[in-house]
N, C-alpha and C. Protein backbone atom coordinates (compact mmCIF):
# COMPACT_ATOMS: atom_id res chain seq x y z
N MET A 1 111.39 93.14 96.58
CA MET A 1 112.78 91.73 96.50
C MET A 1 113.32 92.83 95.89
N GLN A 2 114.32 92.77 95.71
CA GLN A 2 115.73 94.32 95.99
C GLN A 2 116.11 93.66 94.15
N ASP A 3 116.88 94.09 93.63
CA ASP A 3 117.25 95.01 92.44
C ASP A 3 118.45 93.20 91.87
N ASN A 4 120.06 93.12 93.36
CA ASN A 4 120.00 91.54 93.05
C ASN A 4 118.30 90.52 92.80
N ASP A 5 117.10 90.53 93.01
CA ASP A 5 117.02 89.41 92.72
C ASP A 5 116.40 89.50 91.65
N LYS A 6 116.35 90.39 90.37
CA LYS A 6 116.14 90.45 88.89
C LYS A 6 116.63 89.35 88.57
N ILE A 7 117.42 88.41 88.22
CA ILE A 7 117.48 87.00 87.34
C ILE A 7 116.49 86.78 88.05
N LYS A 8 116.89 86.01 89.36
CA LYS A 8 116.20 84.83 89.82
C LYS A 8 114.48 85.10 89.27
N PHE A 9 113.98 86.49 89.37
CA PHE A 9 112.13 86.95 89.56
C PHE A 9 112.54 86.25 87.58
N ALA A 10 113.16 87.45 86.93
CA ALA A 10 113.52 86.54 85.11
C ALA A 10 112.85 85.44 84.91
N THR A 11 114.14 84.71 85.09
CA THR A 11 114.52 83.10 85.33
C THR A 11 113.10 82.10 85.50
N MET A 12 111.89 83.12 87.16
CA MET A 12 111.56 82.49 87.28
C MET A 12 110.22 82.12 86.61
N LEU A 13 110.02 84.18 86.40
CA LEU A 13 108.26 84.33 86.24
C LEU A 13 108.56 83.62 84.19
N THR A 14 109.37 83.95 83.64
CA THR A 14 109.92 82.74 82.27
C THR A 14 109.86 80.94 82.32
N GLY A 15 110.03 81.02 83.59
CA GLY A 15 109.51 79.38 83.55
C GLY A 15 108.04 79.16 83.93
N ILE A 16 106.98 80.31 85.21
CA ILE A 16 106.41 79.46 84.27
C ILE A 16 105.06 80.01 83.45
N ALA A 17 105.97 81.31 82.44
CA ALA A 17 105.79 81.56 80.42
C ALA A 17 105.87 80.23 80.58
N ASP A 18 106.47 79.16 80.50
CA ASP A 18 107.30 78.16 79.38
C ASP A 18 105.75 77.54 80.07
N TYR A 19 105.80 77.29 81.62
CA TYR A 19 104.68 75.56 81.52
C TYR A 19 103.38 76.37 81.30
N TYR A 20 102.91 77.63 80.64
CA TYR A 20 101.32 77.87 80.15
C TYR A 20 101.65 78.08 78.63
N GLY A 21 102.92 77.73 78.43
CA GLY A 21 103.47 77.49 76.37
C GLY A 21 103.40 79.06 75.74
N LYS A 22 103.46 80.44 77.42
CA LYS A 22 103.67 81.40 76.68
C LYS A 22 104.73 82.06 76.38
N THR A 23 105.25 83.15 75.65
CA THR A 23 106.66 83.61 75.43
C THR A 23 106.33 84.80 76.06
N LEU A 24 107.52 85.53 76.79
CA LEU A 24 107.85 86.36 78.00
C LEU A 24 108.81 86.95 77.34
N ALA A 25 108.18 88.58 76.45
CA ALA A 25 109.50 89.65 75.84
C ALA A 25 109.94 91.01 77.17
N LYS A 26 111.19 91.06 76.71
CA LYS A 26 112.10 91.46 78.69
C LYS A 26 110.20 92.46 78.76
N ALA A 27 110.51 92.96 77.55
CA ALA A 27 109.91 94.40 78.47
C ALA A 27 107.82 94.35 78.84
N ILE A 28 107.96 92.85 78.63
CA ILE A 28 106.80 91.68 80.14
C ILE A 28 107.72 91.69 80.98
N ILE A 29 108.65 91.28 81.11
CA ILE A 29 109.25 91.08 82.67
C ILE A 29 109.52 92.07 83.68
N GLU A 30 109.86 93.72 82.73
CA GLU A 30 109.90 94.53 83.32
C GLU A 30 108.32 94.76 83.96
N VAL A 31 107.24 94.09 83.15
CA VAL A 31 106.27 95.01 83.33
C VAL A 31 105.94 94.34 85.19
N TYR A 32 106.26 93.07 84.31
CA TYR A 32 105.78 92.85 86.02
C TYR A 32 106.46 92.69 86.95
N TRP A 33 108.14 93.22 87.20
CA TRP A 33 108.75 93.27 88.20
C TRP A 33 108.42 94.94 88.63
N GLN A 34 108.08 95.73 87.91
CA GLN A 34 107.79 96.28 88.28
C GLN A 34 106.33 96.73 89.06
N GLY A 35 105.85 95.24 88.73
CA GLY A 35 104.52 95.50 89.08
C GLY A 35 104.50 94.42 91.00
N LEU A 36 105.17 94.09 91.09
CA LEU A 36 105.66 93.43 92.36
C LEU A 36 106.94 93.20 92.77
N ARG A 37 107.30 94.66 92.56
CA ARG A 37 109.03 95.10 93.24
C ARG A 37 108.70 95.02 94.08
N GLN A 38 107.65 95.10 94.96
CA GLN A 38 107.34 95.11 96.87
C GLN A 38 107.04 94.05 97.59
N TYR A 39 107.64 92.99 96.69
CA TYR A 39 107.01 91.13 97.91
C TYR A 39 108.44 91.55 97.79
N ASP A 40 108.12 89.91 99.09
CA ASP A 40 110.07 89.35 98.60
C ASP A 40 109.67 88.70 98.07
N ILE A 41 110.79 87.61 97.31
CA ILE A 41 111.02 87.63 96.45
C ILE A 41 110.35 85.52 96.73
N ASP A 42 110.85 85.84 97.80
CA ASP A 42 109.71 84.04 98.51
C ASP A 42 108.50 84.58 98.35
N THR A 43 107.87 85.16 99.15
CA THR A 43 106.63 85.17 98.68
C THR A 43 105.41 85.05 96.87
N ILE A 44 106.65 85.36 96.33
CA ILE A 44 106.50 85.59 94.77
C ILE A 44 106.56 84.96 94.67
N LYS A 45 107.45 83.35 94.76
CA LYS A 45 107.86 82.13 94.25
C LYS A 45 106.77 81.41 94.32
N LYS A 46 106.36 81.83 96.19
CA LYS A 46 105.15 80.63 97.10
C LYS A 46 103.29 81.00 95.65
N ALA A 47 103.67 82.59 96.21
CA ALA A 47 101.72 83.20 95.02
C ALA A 47 101.90 81.95 93.83
N LEU A 48 103.36 82.50 93.09
CA LEU A 48 103.42 82.05 91.40
C LEU A 48 102.72 79.74 91.78
N TRP A 49 103.89 79.32 92.93
CA TRP A 49 103.21 77.99 92.63
C TRP A 49 101.79 77.64 93.29
N GLU A 50 101.51 79.08 93.64
CA GLU A 50 99.73 78.95 94.76
C GLU A 50 98.49 79.29 93.21
N HIS A 51 99.44 79.47 92.39
CA HIS A 51 98.56 79.81 91.10
C HIS A 51 99.06 78.82 90.55
N THR A 52 99.92 77.91 90.56
CA THR A 52 99.39 77.24 89.30
C THR A 52 98.24 75.53 89.22
N GLN A 53 97.88 76.20 91.45
CA GLN A 53 97.26 75.08 91.26
C GLN A 53 96.21 75.00 91.81
N ASN A 54 96.28 76.49 91.15
CA ASN A 54 94.76 76.39 91.94
C ASN A 54 93.67 76.23 90.25
N PRO A 55 92.43 75.04 90.80
CA PRO A 55 92.02 74.93 89.44
C PRO A 55 90.97 76.15 88.64
N ASP A 56 90.57 76.75 88.56
CA ASP A 56 90.00 77.15 88.00
C ASP A 56 90.51 78.68 87.64
N ASN A 57 91.51 79.82 88.42
CA ASN A 57 92.07 80.34 87.41
C ASN A 57 93.86 79.47 87.70
N GLY A 58 93.86 78.76 88.43
CA GLY A 58 95.76 78.01 87.55
C GLY A 58 95.73 77.11 86.30
N GLN A 59 94.95 77.78 85.36
CA GLN A 59 95.01 77.24 83.92
C GLN A 59 95.00 78.28 83.15
N PHE A 60 95.70 79.33 83.77
CA PHE A 60 96.00 80.37 82.14
C PHE A 60 96.64 81.14 83.52
N MET A 61 98.35 81.64 82.31
CA MET A 61 99.31 82.59 82.67
C MET A 61 98.28 84.07 83.60
N PRO A 62 99.07 83.63 84.91
CA PRO A 62 98.88 85.30 85.95
C PRO A 62 99.39 85.98 85.51
N LYS A 63 98.00 87.63 85.82
CA LYS A 63 98.82 88.58 85.24
C LYS A 63 98.79 89.35 87.03
N ILE A 64 99.31 90.50 87.07
CA ILE A 64 99.99 90.76 88.22
C ILE A 64 99.47 90.91 89.42
N ALA A 65 98.25 90.91 89.41
CA ALA A 65 96.39 91.03 90.38
C ALA A 65 96.93 89.33 90.50
N ASP A 66 97.10 88.70 90.42
CA ASP A 66 96.63 86.97 90.12
C ASP A 66 97.87 86.63 91.22
N VAL A 67 99.01 87.26 90.71
CA VAL A 67 99.68 87.08 91.33
C VAL A 67 99.98 87.06 93.55
């Protein structure tokens, strides 16, 4: 991702957290950003969507390694 993707990424991750009934602190969003920044924003979006569709792991808020 590029620095100009930060707002889109934070919005997307916050939406996923809301879906799972979680609240993310800014520091946690930064942890996810650092852990995933080597990937393209569209790839991350696809991976998060696929995670929500997984009947096993998709029941829980994804960790960086899940994405």
